[in-house]
C-alpha cells in the first residue's frame, strides 16, 4: 500500500477530509517533525471493530434514558412548529 505523507498539523486541521480520503481507500503516513508517528489506512471490508481499552458498552438504562430525552426534544420541537404554523394563517402569508 502506498502512503501519502502528511504532517500532524495538516492532519489535525483537515481531519474530516483526511477520514473521507481514507474511506475512499487512500492511506496516509502522519509525521511529526519529519518522523513517522502514525499510519492511517482503510479497514479491510470484513474487519470487526475492536473497542478501545477501557471503552464499555452503554448500559441499557443509559440507552433508554437517551432515547427518552431525544423523544422529548422531538415532541418539544413539534409543539413549537405547530404553534408557528397556527400563527401563520393563510391570510397572513405574503
PDB file of N, CA and C in Angstrom:
ATOM      1  N   UNK A   1       0.848  -1.177   0.000  1.00  0.00           N
ATOM      2  CA  UNK A   1       0.000   0.000   0.000  1.00  0.00           C
ATOM      3  C   UNK A   1       0.891   1.237   0.000  1.00  0.00           C
ATOM      4  N   UNK A   2       0.586   2.188  -0.857  1.00  0.00           N
ATOM      5  CA  UNK A   2       1.369   3.414  -0.948  1.00  0.00           C
ATOM      6  C   UNK A   2       0.778   4.460   0.003  1.00  0.00           C
ATOM      7  N   UNK A   3       1.639   5.034   0.835  1.00  0.00           N
ATOM      8  CA  UNK A   3       1.218   6.018   1.823  1.00  0.00           C
ATOM      9  C   UNK A   3       1.553   7.423   1.361  1.00  0.00           C
ATOM     10  N   UNK A   4       0.632   8.327   1.555  1.00  0.00           N
ATOM     11  CA  UNK A   4       0.891   9.745   1.314  1.00  0.00           C
ATOM     12  C   UNK A   4       1.367  10.347   2.632  1.00  0.00           C
ATOM     13  N   UNK A   5       2.423  11.140   2.582  1.00  0.00           N
ATOM     14  CA  UNK A   5       2.916  11.785   3.795  1.00  0.00           C
ATOM     15  C   UNK A   5       2.065  13.009   4.111  1.00  0.00           C
ATOM     16  N   UNK A   6       1.748  13.174   5.377  1.00  0.00           N
ATOM     17  CA  UNK A   6       1.007  14.353   5.829  1.00  0.00           C
ATOM     18  C   UNK A   6       1.509  14.708   7.224  1.00  0.00           C
ATOM     19  N   UNK A   7       1.708  15.987   7.454  1.00  0.00           N
ATOM     20  CA  UNK A   7       2.194  16.406   8.773  1.00  0.00           C
ATOM     21  C   UNK A   7       1.068  16.292   9.796  1.00  0.00           C
ATOM     22  N   UNK A   8       1.441  16.154  11.033  1.00  0.00           N
ATOM     23  CA  UNK A   8       0.463  16.071  12.114  1.00  0.00           C
ATOM     24  C   UNK A   8      -0.407  17.320  12.133  1.00  0.00           C
ATOM     25  N   UNK A   9       0.211  18.470  11.915  1.00  0.00           N
ATOM     26  CA  UNK A   9      -0.538  19.727  11.898  1.00  0.00           C
ATOM     27  C   UNK A   9      -1.597  19.712  10.800  1.00  0.00           C
ATOM     28  N   UNK A  10      -1.210  19.312   9.583  1.00  0.00           N
ATOM     29  CA  UNK A  10      -2.170  19.245   8.482  1.00  0.00           C
ATOM     30  C   UNK A  10      -3.258  18.200   8.749  1.00  0.00           C
ATOM     31  N   UNK A  11      -2.866  17.084   9.337  1.00  0.00           N
ATOM     32  CA  UNK A  11      -3.846  16.047   9.657  1.00  0.00           C
ATOM     33  C   UNK A  11      -4.876  16.585  10.649  1.00  0.00           C
ATOM     34  N   UNK A  12      -4.422  17.312  11.666  1.00  0.00           N
ATOM     35  CA  UNK A  12      -5.334  17.891  12.657  1.00  0.00           C
ATOM     36  C   UNK A  12      -6.270  18.911  12.025  1.00  0.00           C
ATOM     37  N   UNK A  13      -5.736  19.758  11.159  1.00  0.00           N
ATOM     38  CA  UNK A  13      -6.537  20.830  10.572  1.00  0.00           C
ATOM     39  C   UNK A  13      -7.519  20.325   9.523  1.00  0.00           C
ATOM     40  N   UNK A  14      -7.251  19.167   8.954  1.00  0.00           N
ATOM     41  CA  UNK A  14      -8.099  18.643   7.877  1.00  0.00           C
ATOM     42  C   UNK A  14      -8.594  17.240   8.185  1.00  0.00           C
ATOM     43  N   UNK A  15      -8.878  16.977   9.444  1.00  0.00           N
ATOM     44  CA  UNK A  15      -9.198  15.621   9.863  1.00  0.00           C
ATOM     45  C   UNK A  15     -10.401  15.030   9.119  1.00  0.00           C
ATOM     46  N   UNK A  16     -11.470  15.795   8.969  1.00  0.00           N
ATOM     47  CA  UNK A  16     -12.664  15.276   8.288  1.00  0.00           C
ATOM     48  C   UNK A  16     -12.350  14.900   6.850  1.00  0.00           C
ATOM     49  N   UNK A  17     -11.606  15.754   6.168  1.00  0.00           N
ATOM     50  CA  UNK A  17     -11.226  15.448   4.776  1.00  0.00           C
ATOM     51  C   UNK A  17     -10.300  14.242   4.719  1.00  0.00           C
ATOM     52  N   UNK A  18      -9.415  14.147   5.685  1.00  0.00           N
ATOM     53  CA  UNK A  18      -8.493  13.022   5.746  1.00  0.00           C
ATOM     54  C   UNK A  18      -9.259  11.710   5.906  1.00  0.00           C
ATOM     55  N   UNK A  19     -10.223  11.684   6.805  1.00  0.00           N
ATOM     56  CA  UNK A  19     -11.033  10.484   7.014  1.00  0.00           C
ATOM     57  C   UNK A  19     -11.830  10.154   5.754  1.00  0.00           C
ATOM     58  N   UNK A  20     -12.372  11.169   5.088  1.00  0.00           N
ATOM     59  CA  UNK A  20     -13.110  10.927   3.835  1.00  0.00           C
ATOM     60  C   UNK A  20     -12.197  10.287   2.789  1.00  0.00           C
ATOM     61  N   UNK A  21     -10.953  10.736   2.725  1.00  0.00           N
ATOM     62  CA  UNK A  21      -9.986  10.153   1.784  1.00  0.00           C
ATOM     63  C   UNK A  21      -9.690   8.702   2.136  1.00  0.00           C
ATOM     64  N   UNK A  22      -9.555   8.422   3.422  1.00  0.00           N
ATOM     65  CA  UNK A  22      -9.298   7.047   3.862  1.00  0.00           C
ATOM     66  C   UNK A  22     -10.497   6.166   3.514  1.00  0.00           C
ATOM     67  N   UNK A  23     -11.705   6.696   3.680  1.00  0.00           N
ATOM     68  CA  UNK A  23     -12.898   5.931   3.316  1.00  0.00           C
ATOM     69  C   UNK A  23     -12.926   5.603   1.825  1.00  0.00           C
ATOM     70  N   UNK A  24     -12.274   6.439   1.015  1.00  0.00           N
ATOM     71  CA  UNK A  24     -12.186   6.174  -0.426  1.00  0.00           C
ATOM     72  C   UNK A  24     -11.020   5.260  -0.775  1.00  0.00           C
ATOM     73  N   UNK A  25     -10.271   4.821   0.246  1.00  0.00           N
ATOM     74  CA  UNK A  25      -9.208   3.853   0.001  1.00  0.00           C
ATOM     75  C   UNK A  25      -7.795   4.393   0.068  1.00  0.00           C
ATOM     76  N   UNK A  26      -7.625   5.667   0.333  1.00  0.00           N
ATOM     77  CA  UNK A  26      -6.282   6.237   0.427  1.00  0.00           C
ATOM     78  C   UNK A  26      -5.664   5.914   1.787  1.00  0.00           C
ATOM     79  N   UNK A  27      -4.344   5.945   1.843  1.00  0.00           N
ATOM     80  CA  UNK A  27      -3.619   5.669   3.087  1.00  0.00           C
ATOM     81  C   UNK A  27      -2.632   6.803   3.343  1.00  0.00           C
ATOM     82  N   UNK A  28      -2.433   7.130   4.611  1.00  0.00           N
ATOM     83  CA  UNK A  28      -1.576   8.252   4.974  1.00  0.00           C
ATOM     84  C   UNK A  28      -0.571   7.851   6.035  1.00  0.00           C
ATOM     85  N   UNK A  29       0.590   8.462   5.941  1.00  0.00           N
ATOM     86  CA  UNK A  29       1.619   8.354   6.962  1.00  0.00           C
ATOM     87  C   UNK A  29       1.693   9.731   7.620  1.00  0.00           C
ATOM     88  N   UNK A  30       1.387   9.793   8.888  1.00  0.00           N
ATOM     89  CA  UNK A  30       1.383  11.066   9.617  1.00  0.00           C
ATOM     90  C   UNK A  30       2.750  11.262  10.252  1.00  0.00           C
ATOM     91  N   UNK A  31       3.303  12.461  10.022  1.00  0.00           N
ATOM     92  CA  UNK A  31       4.649  12.742  10.520  1.00  0.00           C
ATOM     93  C   UNK A  31       4.629  13.915  11.496  1.00  0.00           C
ATOM     94  N   UNK A  32       5.584  13.865  12.414  1.00  0.00           N
ATOM     95  CA  UNK A  32       5.829  14.987  13.331  1.00  0.00           C
ATOM     96  C   UNK A  32       7.311  15.306  13.215  1.00  0.00           C
ATOM     97  N   UNK A  33       7.588  16.541  12.815  1.00  0.00           N
ATOM     98  CA  UNK A  33       8.980  16.977  12.612  1.00  0.00           C
ATOM     99  C   UNK A  33       9.744  16.018  11.689  1.00  0.00           C
ATOM    100  N   UNK A  34       9.047  15.524  10.656  1.00  0.00           N
ATOM    101  CA  UNK A  34       9.682  14.667   9.675  1.00  0.00           C
ATOM    102  C   UNK A  34       9.777  13.200  10.052  1.00  0.00           C
ATOM    103  N   UNK A  35       9.375  12.843  11.250  1.00  0.00           N
ATOM    104  CA  UNK A  35       9.430  11.451  11.698  1.00  0.00           C
ATOM    105  C   UNK A  35       8.034  10.828  11.664  1.00  0.00           C
ATOM    106  N   UNK A  36       7.934   9.621  11.128  1.00  0.00           N
ATOM    107  CA  UNK A  36       6.651   8.928  11.082  1.00  0.00           C
ATOM    108  C   UNK A  36       6.182   8.622  12.503  1.00  0.00           C
ATOM    109  N   UNK A  37       4.941   8.992  12.784  1.00  0.00           N
ATOM    110  CA  UNK A  37       4.384   8.712  14.113  1.00  0.00           C
ATOM    111  C   UNK A  37       3.138   7.839  14.044  1.00  0.00           C
ATOM    112  N   UNK A  38       2.472   7.807  12.879  1.00  0.00           N
ATOM    113  CA  UNK A  38       1.250   7.005  12.768  1.00  0.00           C
ATOM    114  C   UNK A  38       0.930   6.754  11.308  1.00  0.00           C
ATOM    115  N   UNK A  39       0.135   5.710  11.093  1.00  0.00           N
ATOM    116  CA  UNK A  39      -0.385   5.425   9.756  1.00  0.00           C
ATOM    117  C   UNK A  39      -1.890   5.332   9.845  1.00  0.00           C
ATOM    118  N   UNK A  40      -2.529   5.908   8.855  1.00  0.00           N
ATOM    119  CA  UNK A  40      -3.982   5.899   8.792  1.00  0.00           C
ATOM    120  C   UNK A  40      -4.377   5.187   7.505  1.00  0.00           C
ATOM    121  N   UNK A  41      -5.003   4.024   7.648  1.00  0.00           N
ATOM    122  CA  UNK A  41      -5.350   3.199   6.491  1.00  0.00           C
ATOM    123  C   UNK A  41      -6.801   2.757   6.575  1.00  0.00           C
ATOM    124  N   UNK A  42      -7.395   2.430   5.440  1.00  0.00           N
ATOM    125  CA  UNK A  42      -8.763   1.890   5.475  1.00  0.00           C
ATOM    126  C   UNK A  42      -8.769   0.527   6.144  1.00  0.00           C
ATOM    127  N   UNK A  43      -9.859   0.208   6.786  1.00  0.00           N
ATOM    128  CA  UNK A  43     -10.032  -1.125   7.365  1.00  0.00           C
ATOM    129  C   UNK A  43     -10.382  -2.106   6.254  1.00  0.00           C
ATOM    130  N   UNK A  44      -9.957  -3.341   6.395  1.00  0.00           N
ATOM    131  CA  UNK A  44     -10.424  -4.349   5.441  1.00  0.00           C
ATOM    132  C   UNK A  44     -11.942  -4.480   5.555  1.00  0.00           C
ATOM    133  N   UNK A  45     -12.630  -4.812   4.462  1.00  0.00           N
ATOM    134  CA  UNK A  45     -14.092  -4.856   4.489  1.00  0.00           C
ATOM    135  C   UNK A  45     -14.681  -5.730   5.584  1.00  0.00           C
ATOM    136  N   UNK A  46     -14.023  -6.820   5.929  1.00  0.00           N
ATOM    137  CA  UNK A  46     -14.612  -7.720   6.920  1.00  0.00           C
ATOM    138  C   UNK A  46     -14.023  -7.543   8.321  1.00  0.00           C
ATOM    139  N   UNK A  47     -13.230  -6.498   8.527  1.00  0.00           N
ATOM    140  CA  UNK A  47     -12.583  -6.312   9.825  1.00  0.00           C
ATOM    141  C   UNK A  47     -13.603  -5.918  10.889  1.00  0.00           C
ATOM    142  N   UNK A  48     -13.666  -6.687  11.975  1.00  0.00           N
ATOM    143  CA  UNK A  48     -14.584  -6.310  13.057  1.00  0.00           C
ATOM    144  C   UNK A  48     -14.022  -5.107  13.815  1.00  0.00           C
ATOM    145  N   UNK A  49     -14.910  -4.301  14.352  1.00  0.00           N
ATOM    146  CA  UNK A  49     -14.475  -3.162  15.151  1.00  0.00           C
ATOM    147  C   UNK A  49     -14.064  -3.652  16.528  1.00  0.00           C
ATOM    148  N   UNK A  50     -12.946  -3.165  17.004  1.00  0.00           N
ATOM    149  CA  UNK A  50     -12.495  -3.506  18.348  1.00  0.00           C
ATOM    150  C   UNK A  50     -12.664  -2.290  19.236  1.00  0.00           C
ATOM    151  N   UNK A  51     -13.057  -2.536  20.474  1.00  0.00           N
ATOM    152  CA  UNK A  51     -13.212  -1.441  21.419  1.00  0.00           C
ATOM    153  C   UNK A  51     -11.847  -0.993  21.920  1.00  0.00           C
ATOM    154  N   UNK A  52     -11.731   0.300  22.162  1.00  0.00           N
ATOM    155  CA  UNK A  52     -10.525   0.832  22.776  1.00  0.00           C
ATOM    156  C   UNK A  52     -10.448   0.329  24.205  1.00  0.00           C
ATOM    157  N   UNK A  53      -9.224   0.223  24.751  1.00  0.00           N
ATOM    158  CA  UNK A  53      -9.106  -0.201  26.151  1.00  0.00           C
ATOM    159  C   UNK A  53      -9.903   0.739  27.057  1.00  0.00           C
ATOM    160  N   UNK A  54     -10.656   0.160  27.948  1.00  0.00           N
ATOM    161  CA  UNK A  54     -11.446   0.955  28.890  1.00  0.00           C
ATOM    162  C   UNK A  54     -12.809   1.359  28.362  1.00  0.00           C
ATOM    163  N   UNK A  55     -13.052   1.151  27.069  1.00  0.00           N
ATOM    164  CA  UNK A  55     -14.347   1.510  26.490  1.00  0.00           C
ATOM    165  C   UNK A  55     -15.376   0.456  26.876  1.00  0.00           C
ATOM    166  N   UNK A  56     -16.539   0.906  27.322  1.00  0.00           N
ATOM    167  CA  UNK A  56     -17.579  -0.022  27.747  1.00  0.00           C
ATOM    168  C   UNK A  56     -18.802   0.139  26.864  1.00  0.00           C
ATOM    169  N   UNK A  57     -19.577  -0.935  26.755  1.00  0.00           N
ATOM    170  CA  UNK A  57     -20.850  -0.841  26.056  1.00  0.00           C
ATOM    171  C   UNK A  57     -21.789   0.007  26.902  1.00  0.00           C
ATOM    172  N   UNK A  58     -22.629   0.837  26.255  1.00  0.00           N
ATOM    173  CA  UNK A  58     -23.591   1.603  27.045  1.00  0.00           C
ATOM    174  C   UNK A  58     -24.549   0.667  27.760  1.00  0.00           C
ATOM    175  N   UNK A  59     -24.913   1.038  28.944  1.00  0.00           N
ATOM    176  CA  UNK A  59     -25.865   0.242  29.711  1.00  0.00           C
ATOM    177  C   UNK A  59     -27.262   0.418  29.130  1.00  0.00           C
ATOM    178  N   UNK A  60     -28.081  -0.621  29.197  1.00  0.00           N
ATOM    179  CA  UNK A  60     -29.445  -0.493  28.665  1.00  0.00           C
ATOM    180  C   UNK A  60     -30.205   0.682  29.250  1.00  0.00           C
ATOM    181  N   UNK A  61     -30.022   0.963  30.545  1.00  0.00           N
ATOM    182  CA  UNK A  61     -30.739   2.095  31.144  1.00  0.00           C
ATOM    183  C   UNK A  61     -30.244   3.415  30.565  1.00  0.00           C
ATOM    184  N   UNK A  62     -28.944   3.518  30.277  1.00  0.00           N
ATOM    185  CA  UNK A  62     -28.412   4.750  29.680  1.00  0.00           C
ATOM    186  C   UNK A  62     -28.992   4.955  28.286  1.00  0.00           C
ATOM    187  N   UNK A  63     -29.109   3.873  27.534  1.00  0.00           N
ATOM    188  CA  UNK A  63     -29.687   3.959  26.193  1.00  0.00           C
ATOM    189  C   UNK A  63     -31.150   4.380  26.284  1.00  0.00           C
ATOM    190  N   UNK A  64     -31.879   3.791  27.218  1.00  0.00           N
ATOM    191  CA  UNK A  64     -33.291   4.137  27.393  1.00  0.00           C
ATOM    192  C   UNK A  64     -33.445   5.602  27.790  1.00  0.00           C
ATOM    193  N   UNK A  65     -32.582   6.086  28.678  1.00  0.00           N
ATOM    194  CA  UNK A  65     -32.642   7.484  29.098  1.00  0.00           C
ATOM    195  C   UNK A  65     -32.340   8.413  27.926  1.00  0.00           C
ATOM    196  N   UNK A  66     -31.366   8.069  27.120  1.00  0.00           N
ATOM    197  CA  UNK A  66     -31.024   8.876  25.958  1.00  0.00           C
ATOM    198  C   UNK A  66     -32.184   8.901  24.971  1.00  0.00           C
ATOM    199  N   UNK A  67     -32.784   7.746  24.733  1.00  0.00           N
ATOM    200  CA  UNK A  67     -33.926   7.660  23.825  1.00  0.00           C
ATOM    201  C   UNK A  67     -35.072   8.522  24.329  1.00  0.00           C
ATOM    202  N   UNK A  68     -35.362   8.441  25.606  1.00  0.00           N
ATOM    203  CA  UNK A  68     -36.452   9.235  26.188  1.00  0.00           C
ATOM    204  C   UNK A  68     -36.164  10.723  26.062  1.00  0.00           C
ATOM    205  N   UNK A  69     -34.926  11.104  26.293  1.00  0.00           N
ATOM    206  CA  UNK A  69     -34.530  12.504  26.193  1.00  0.00           C
ATOM    207  C   UNK A  69     -34.693  13.018  24.762  1.00  0.00           C
ATOM    208  N   UNK A  70     -34.252  12.215  23.798  1.00  0.00           N
ATOM    209  CA  UNK A  70     -34.380  12.612  22.398  1.00  0.00           C
ATOM    210  C   UNK A  70     -35.852  12.674  21.981  1.00  0.00           C
ATOM    211  N   UNK A  71     -36.643  11.717  22.438  1.00  0.00           N
ATOM    212  CA  UNK A  71     -38.068  11.709  22.104  1.00  0.00           C
ATOM    213  C   UNK A  71     -38.750  12.945  22.669  1.00  0.00           C
ATOM    214  N   UNK A  72     -38.401  13.333  23.882  1.00  0.00           N
ATOM    215  CA  UNK A  72     -38.985  14.533  24.496  1.00  0.00           C
ATOM    216  C   UNK A  72     -38.597  15.777  23.705  1.00  0.00           C
ATOM    217  N   UNK A  73     -37.359  15.855  23.267  1.00  0.00           N
ATOM    218  CA  UNK A  73     -36.895  17.008  22.479  1.00  0.00           C
ATOM    219  C   UNK A  73     -37.648  17.094  21.148  1.00  0.00           C
ATOM    220  N   UNK A  74     -37.894  15.960  20.523  1.00  0.00           N
ATOM    221  CA  UNK A  74     -38.665  15.937  19.270  1.00  0.00           C
ATOM    222  C   UNK A  74     -40.079  16.436  19.532  1.00  0.00           C
ATOM    223  N   UNK A  75     -40.693  15.995  20.636  1.00  0.00           N
ATOM    224  CA  UNK A  75     -42.043  16.460  20.970  1.00  0.00           C
ATOM    225  C   UNK A  75     -42.059  17.977  21.177  1.00  0.00           C
ATOM    226  N   UNK A  76     -41.045  18.509  21.846  1.00  0.00           N
ATOM    227  CA  UNK A  76     -40.974  19.951  22.077  1.00  0.00           C
ATOM    228  C   UNK A  76     -40.860  20.706  20.753  1.00  0.00           C
ATOM    229  N   UNK A  77     -40.023  20.201  19.866  1.00  0.00           N
ATOM    230  CA  UNK A  77     -39.850  20.856  18.571  1.00  0.00           C
ATOM    231  C   UNK A  77     -41.121  20.781  17.730  1.00  0.00           C
ATOM    232  N   UNK A  78     -41.812  19.652  17.785  1.00  0.00           N
ATOM    233  CA  UNK A  78     -43.076  19.523  17.052  1.00  0.00           C
ATOM    234  C   UNK A  78     -44.111  20.506  17.581  1.00  0.00           C
ATOM    235  N   UNK A  79     -44.163  20.690  18.910  1.00  0.00           N
ATOM    236  CA  UNK A  79     -45.108  21.625  19.513  1.00  0.00           C
ATOM    237  C   UNK A  79     -44.801  23.056  19.061  1.00  0.00           C
ATOM    238  N   UNK A  80     -43.530  23.411  19.027  1.00  0.00           N
ATOM    239  CA  UNK A  80     -43.148  24.750  18.563  1.00  0.00           C
ATOM    240  C   UNK A  80     -43.524  24.948  17.102  1.00  0.00           C
ATOM    241  N   UNK A  81     -43.316  23.931  16.298  1.00  0.00           N
ATOM    242  CA  UNK A  81     -43.653  24.011  14.881  1.00  0.00           C
ATOM    243  C   UNK A  81     -45.160  24.169  14.691  1.00  0.00           C
ATOM    244  N   UNK A  82     -45.947  23.453  15.489  1.00  0.00           N
ATOM    245  CA  UNK A  82     -47.405  23.590  15.422  1.00  0.00           C
ATOM    246  C   UNK A  82     -47.837  25.016  15.757  1.00  0.00           C
ATOM    247  N   UNK A  83     -47.232  25.611  16.796  1.00  0.00           N
ATOM    248  CA  UNK A  83     -47.572  26.981  17.174  1.00  0.00           C
ATOM    249  C   UNK A  83     -47.238  27.956  16.055  1.00  0.00           C
ATOM    250  N   UNK A  84     -46.101  27.752  15.421  1.00  0.00           N
ATOM    251  CA  UNK A  84     -45.686  28.644  14.335  1.00  0.00           C
ATOM    252  C   UNK A  84     -46.633  28.521  13.146  1.00  0.00           C
ATOM    253  N   UNK A  85     -46.973  27.293  12.778  1.00  0.00           N
ATOM    254  CA  UNK A  85     -47.852  27.111  11.617  1.00  0.00           C
ATOM    255  C   UNK A  85     -49.259  27.616  11.913  1.00  0.00           C
ATOM    256  N   UNK A  86     -49.717  27.511  13.169  1.00  0.00           N
ATOM    257  CA  UNK A  86     -51.028  28.037  13.545  1.00  0.00           C
ATOM    258  C   UNK A  86     -51.019  29.554  13.489  1.00  0.00           C
ATOM    259  N   UNK A  87     -49.939  30.150  13.926  1.00  0.00           N
ATOM    260  CA  UNK A  87     -49.832  31.612  13.918  1.00  0.00           C
ATOM    261  C   UNK A  87     -49.800  32.169  12.500  1.00  0.00           C
ATOM    262  N   UNK A  88     -49.334  31.388  11.566  1.00  0.00           N
ATOM    263  CA  UNK A  88     -49.296  31.829  10.171  1.00  0.00           C
ATOM    264  C   UNK A  88     -50.515  31.313   9.430  1.00  0.00           C
ATOM    265  N   UNK A  89     -51.610  32.026   9.588  1.00  0.00           N
ATOM    266  CA  UNK A  89     -52.809  31.610   8.877  1.00  0.00           C
ATOM    267  C   UNK A  89     -52.632  31.935   7.384  1.00  0.00           C
ATOM    268  N   UNK A  90     -53.429  31.343   6.498  1.00  0.00           N
ATOM    269  CA  UNK A  90     -53.267  31.589   5.057  1.00  0.00           C
ATOM    270  C   UNK A  90     -53.358  33.073   4.686  1.00  0.00           C
ATOM    271  N   UNK A  91     -54.121  33.870   5.445  1.00  0.00           N
ATOM    272  CA  UNK A  91     -54.245  35.305   5.115  1.00  0.00           C
ATOM    273  C   UNK A  91     -52.996  36.060   5.535  1.00  0.00           C
ATOM    274  N   UNK A  92     -52.238  35.532   6.496  1.00  0.00           N
ATOM    275  CA  UNK A  92     -51.021  36.200   6.968  1.00  0.00           C
ATOM    276  C   UNK A  92     -49.847  35.995   6.028  1.00  0.00           C
ATOM    277  N   UNK A  93     -49.885  34.947   5.229  1.00  0.00           N
ATOM    278  CA  UNK A  93     -48.756  34.648   4.344  1.00  0.00           C
ATOM    279  C   UNK A  93     -48.700  35.669   3.231  1.00  0.00           C
ATOM    280  N   UNK A  94     -47.532  36.182   2.973  1.00  0.00           N
ATOM    281  CA  UNK A  94     -47.390  37.216   1.926  1.00  0.00           C
ATOM    282  C   UNK A  94     -46.490  36.758   0.846  1.00  0.00           C
TER     283      UNK A  94
END
